[in-house]
């Protein structure tokens, strides 16, 4: 499966964006899909994940209540709806996929990555 992330851009403090992670040459039918982000000079950190069925969802503590992950299997796309954005949310956002749900929050456990989409939140 190839992953294509899109939807990033420049938004004001308190604004919203929706990121998309589209699958090509395959589907997400048997995959956990996650979003990570990496700010300059910082480690890549977990944002959210969704199971293959969509029934199990996890969020990083700093995005709970503001971000929502979802999937549309017919469109082979996973979304990350981001609201109440803050300048500290500024980062490159990556989607990633793998077939088992263990260590869903560890970037190193994912073997399939999209190219990243940049999100900038102005203060």
C-alpha atoms as a PDB file:
ATOM      1  CA  UNK A   1       0.000   0.000   0.000  1.00  0.00           C
ATOM      2  CA  UNK A   2       1.269   3.442  -0.895  1.00  0.00           C
ATOM      3  CA  UNK A   3       0.201   6.354   1.299  1.00  0.00           C
ATOM      4  CA  UNK A   4      -0.402   9.897   0.138  1.00  0.00           C
ATOM      5  CA  UNK A   5      -0.896  12.587   2.773  1.00  0.00           C
ATOM      6  CA  UNK A   6      -2.457  15.917   1.889  1.00  0.00           C
ATOM      7  CA  UNK A   7      -4.408  18.823   3.326  1.00  0.00           C
ATOM      8  CA  UNK A   8      -1.732  20.743   5.162  1.00  0.00           C
ATOM      9  CA  UNK A   9      -1.372  24.485   4.978  1.00  0.00           C
ATOM     10  CA  UNK A  10      -1.215  27.754   6.883  1.00  0.00           C
ATOM     11  CA  UNK A  11      -3.966  28.459   9.395  1.00  0.00           C
ATOM     12  CA  UNK A  12      -4.485  30.974  12.156  1.00  0.00           C
ATOM     13  CA  UNK A  13      -4.466  30.153  15.848  1.00  0.00           C
ATOM     14  CA  UNK A  14      -7.809  28.545  16.691  1.00  0.00           C
ATOM     15  CA  UNK A  15      -8.485  27.495  13.123  1.00  0.00           C
ATOM     16  CA  UNK A  16      -9.169  24.093  11.587  1.00  0.00           C
ATOM     17  CA  UNK A  17      -7.718  21.828   8.932  1.00  0.00           C
ATOM     18  CA  UNK A  18      -8.523  18.369   7.657  1.00  0.00           C
ATOM     19  CA  UNK A  19      -5.698  16.120   6.606  1.00  0.00           C
ATOM     20  CA  UNK A  20      -6.210  13.137   4.332  1.00  0.00           C
ATOM     21  CA  UNK A  21      -4.207   9.956   3.956  1.00  0.00           C
ATOM     22  CA  UNK A  22      -5.153   8.142   0.773  1.00  0.00           C
ATOM     23  CA  UNK A  23      -4.169   4.588  -0.039  1.00  0.00           C
ATOM     24  CA  UNK A  24      -3.130   3.498  -3.483  1.00  0.00           C
ATOM     25  CA  UNK A  25      -2.045   0.107  -4.800  1.00  0.00           C
ATOM     26  CA  UNK A  26      -3.980  -1.438  -1.933  1.00  0.00           C
ATOM     27  CA  UNK A  27      -6.391  -0.654   0.872  1.00  0.00           C
ATOM     28  CA  UNK A  28      -6.428  -0.099   4.621  1.00  0.00           C
ATOM     29  CA  UNK A  29      -8.685  -3.104   5.146  1.00  0.00           C
ATOM     30  CA  UNK A  30      -6.170  -4.954   7.337  1.00  0.00           C
ATOM     31  CA  UNK A  31      -4.115  -2.028   8.604  1.00  0.00           C
ATOM     32  CA  UNK A  32      -3.816   0.196  11.599  1.00  0.00           C
ATOM     33  CA  UNK A  33      -3.343   3.719  10.291  1.00  0.00           C
ATOM     34  CA  UNK A  34      -1.793   6.449  12.376  1.00  0.00           C
ATOM     35  CA  UNK A  35      -0.843  10.076  12.171  1.00  0.00           C
ATOM     36  CA  UNK A  36       2.451  11.306  13.563  1.00  0.00           C
ATOM     37  CA  UNK A  37       3.965  14.746  13.496  1.00  0.00           C
ATOM     38  CA  UNK A  38       7.451  16.133  13.650  1.00  0.00           C
ATOM     39  CA  UNK A  39       8.354  19.700  14.453  1.00  0.00           C
ATOM     40  CA  UNK A  40      11.810  21.103  13.661  1.00  0.00           C
ATOM     41  CA  UNK A  41      14.499  19.676  15.928  1.00  0.00           C
ATOM     42  CA  UNK A  42      11.976  17.462  17.727  1.00  0.00           C
ATOM     43  CA  UNK A  43      11.292  13.760  17.637  1.00  0.00           C
ATOM     44  CA  UNK A  44       8.403  12.361  15.665  1.00  0.00           C
ATOM     45  CA  UNK A  45       5.415  12.047  17.990  1.00  0.00           C
ATOM     46  CA  UNK A  46       2.182  10.110  17.952  1.00  0.00           C
ATOM     47  CA  UNK A  47      -0.997  12.018  17.141  1.00  0.00           C
ATOM     48  CA  UNK A  48      -3.753   9.467  16.566  1.00  0.00           C
ATOM     49  CA  UNK A  49      -4.442   5.972  15.265  1.00  0.00           C
ATOM     50  CA  UNK A  50      -7.424   4.024  14.006  1.00  0.00           C
ATOM     51  CA  UNK A  51      -7.796   0.266  13.720  1.00  0.00           C
ATOM     52  CA  UNK A  52      -8.667  -1.596  10.542  1.00  0.00           C
ATOM     53  CA  UNK A  53     -12.302  -1.849  11.609  1.00  0.00           C
ATOM     54  CA  UNK A  54     -12.400   1.740  12.819  1.00  0.00           C
ATOM     55  CA  UNK A  55     -13.549   0.519  16.193  1.00  0.00           C
ATOM     56  CA  UNK A  56     -10.391   1.283  18.157  1.00  0.00           C
ATOM     57  CA  UNK A  57      -9.042   4.809  18.203  1.00  0.00           C
ATOM     58  CA  UNK A  58      -6.274   6.375  20.231  1.00  0.00           C
ATOM     59  CA  UNK A  59      -5.078   9.955  20.570  1.00  0.00           C
ATOM     60  CA  UNK A  60      -1.989  11.618  21.899  1.00  0.00           C
ATOM     61  CA  UNK A  61      -2.711  13.470  25.120  1.00  0.00           C
ATOM     62  CA  UNK A  62      -2.051  16.887  23.634  1.00  0.00           C
ATOM     63  CA  UNK A  63      -4.664  16.522  20.854  1.00  0.00           C
ATOM     64  CA  UNK A  64      -7.505  14.858  22.741  1.00  0.00           C
ATOM     65  CA  UNK A  65     -10.720  16.789  22.332  1.00  0.00           C
ATOM     66  CA  UNK A  66      -9.333  18.811  19.426  1.00  0.00           C
ATOM     67  CA  UNK A  67      -8.444  16.253  16.753  1.00  0.00           C
ATOM     68  CA  UNK A  68     -10.601  13.491  15.315  1.00  0.00           C
ATOM     69  CA  UNK A  69      -9.382  10.566  13.249  1.00  0.00           C
ATOM     70  CA  UNK A  70     -11.766   8.728  10.950  1.00  0.00           C
ATOM     71  CA  UNK A  71     -11.741   6.531   7.898  1.00  0.00           C
ATOM     72  CA  UNK A  72     -13.791   6.133   4.755  1.00  0.00           C
ATOM     73  CA  UNK A  73     -13.135   2.630   3.468  1.00  0.00           C
ATOM     74  CA  UNK A  74     -14.969   3.248   0.190  1.00  0.00           C
ATOM     75  CA  UNK A  75     -12.582   6.108  -0.557  1.00  0.00           C
ATOM     76  CA  UNK A  76      -9.579   4.266   0.932  1.00  0.00           C
ATOM     77  CA  UNK A  77      -8.829   7.355   2.963  1.00  0.00           C
ATOM     78  CA  UNK A  78      -8.120   8.138   6.586  1.00  0.00           C
ATOM     79  CA  UNK A  79      -8.795  11.657   7.791  1.00  0.00           C
ATOM     80  CA  UNK A  80      -7.484  13.776  10.622  1.00  0.00           C
ATOM     81  CA  UNK A  81      -9.823  16.628  11.455  1.00  0.00           C
ATOM     82  CA  UNK A  82      -7.906  19.208  13.445  1.00  0.00           C
ATOM     83  CA  UNK A  83      -9.731  21.949  15.329  1.00  0.00           C
ATOM     84  CA  UNK A  84      -8.734  24.624  17.823  1.00  0.00           C
ATOM     85  CA  UNK A  85      -5.267  24.568  16.348  1.00  0.00           C
ATOM     86  CA  UNK A  86      -2.416  26.101  18.308  1.00  0.00           C
ATOM     87  CA  UNK A  87       1.003  27.338  17.209  1.00  0.00           C
ATOM     88  CA  UNK A  88       2.538  24.330  18.969  1.00  0.00           C
ATOM     89  CA  UNK A  89       0.673  22.081  16.516  1.00  0.00           C
ATOM     90  CA  UNK A  90       2.960  23.371  13.777  1.00  0.00           C
ATOM     91  CA  UNK A  91       4.782  20.389  12.276  1.00  0.00           C
ATOM     92  CA  UNK A  92       5.021  18.085   9.322  1.00  0.00           C
ATOM     93  CA  UNK A  93       2.273  15.507   9.671  1.00  0.00           C
ATOM     94  CA  UNK A  94       2.815  11.967   8.436  1.00  0.00           C
ATOM     95  CA  UNK A  95       0.447   9.077   8.039  1.00  0.00           C
ATOM     96  CA  UNK A  96       1.685   5.558   8.543  1.00  0.00           C
ATOM     97  CA  UNK A  97       0.271   2.059   8.379  1.00  0.00           C
ATOM     98  CA  UNK A  98       0.991  -1.430   9.636  1.00  0.00           C
ATOM     99  CA  UNK A  99      -0.902  -4.667  10.046  1.00  0.00           C
ATOM    100  CA  UNK A 100      -0.731  -5.206  13.807  1.00  0.00           C
ATOM    101  CA  UNK A 101      -1.984  -2.956  16.557  1.00  0.00           C
ATOM    102  CA  UNK A 102       0.781  -3.458  19.079  1.00  0.00           C
ATOM    103  CA  UNK A 103       2.763  -0.359  20.075  1.00  0.00           C
ATOM    104  CA  UNK A 104       0.435   1.803  17.993  1.00  0.00           C
ATOM    105  CA  UNK A 105       2.075   4.923  19.458  1.00  0.00           C
ATOM    106  CA  UNK A 106       5.643   4.010  18.452  1.00  0.00           C
ATOM    107  CA  UNK A 107       6.758   5.447  15.139  1.00  0.00           C
ATOM    108  CA  UNK A 108       9.411   2.759  14.809  1.00  0.00           C
ATOM    109  CA  UNK A 109       6.753   0.047  14.750  1.00  0.00           C
ATOM    110  CA  UNK A 110       5.323   1.371  11.451  1.00  0.00           C
ATOM    111  CA  UNK A 111       6.896   0.244   8.213  1.00  0.00           C
ATOM    112  CA  UNK A 112       4.775   2.100   5.672  1.00  0.00           C
ATOM    113  CA  UNK A 113       4.899   5.902   5.576  1.00  0.00           C
ATOM    114  CA  UNK A 114       3.459   8.659   3.475  1.00  0.00           C
ATOM    115  CA  UNK A 115       5.508  11.666   2.432  1.00  0.00           C
ATOM    116  CA  UNK A 116       4.195  14.163   5.002  1.00  0.00           C
ATOM    117  CA  UNK A 117       2.159  17.326   4.758  1.00  0.00           C
ATOM    118  CA  UNK A 118       3.157  20.562   6.453  1.00  0.00           C
ATOM    119  CA  UNK A 119       0.872  22.329   8.911  1.00  0.00           C
ATOM    120  CA  UNK A 120       1.704  25.829  10.101  1.00  0.00           C
ATOM    121  CA  UNK A 121      -0.387  27.567  12.758  1.00  0.00           C
ATOM    122  CA  UNK A 122       0.250  31.275  13.063  1.00  0.00           C
ATOM    123  CA  UNK A 123      -0.095  33.051  16.399  1.00  0.00           C
END
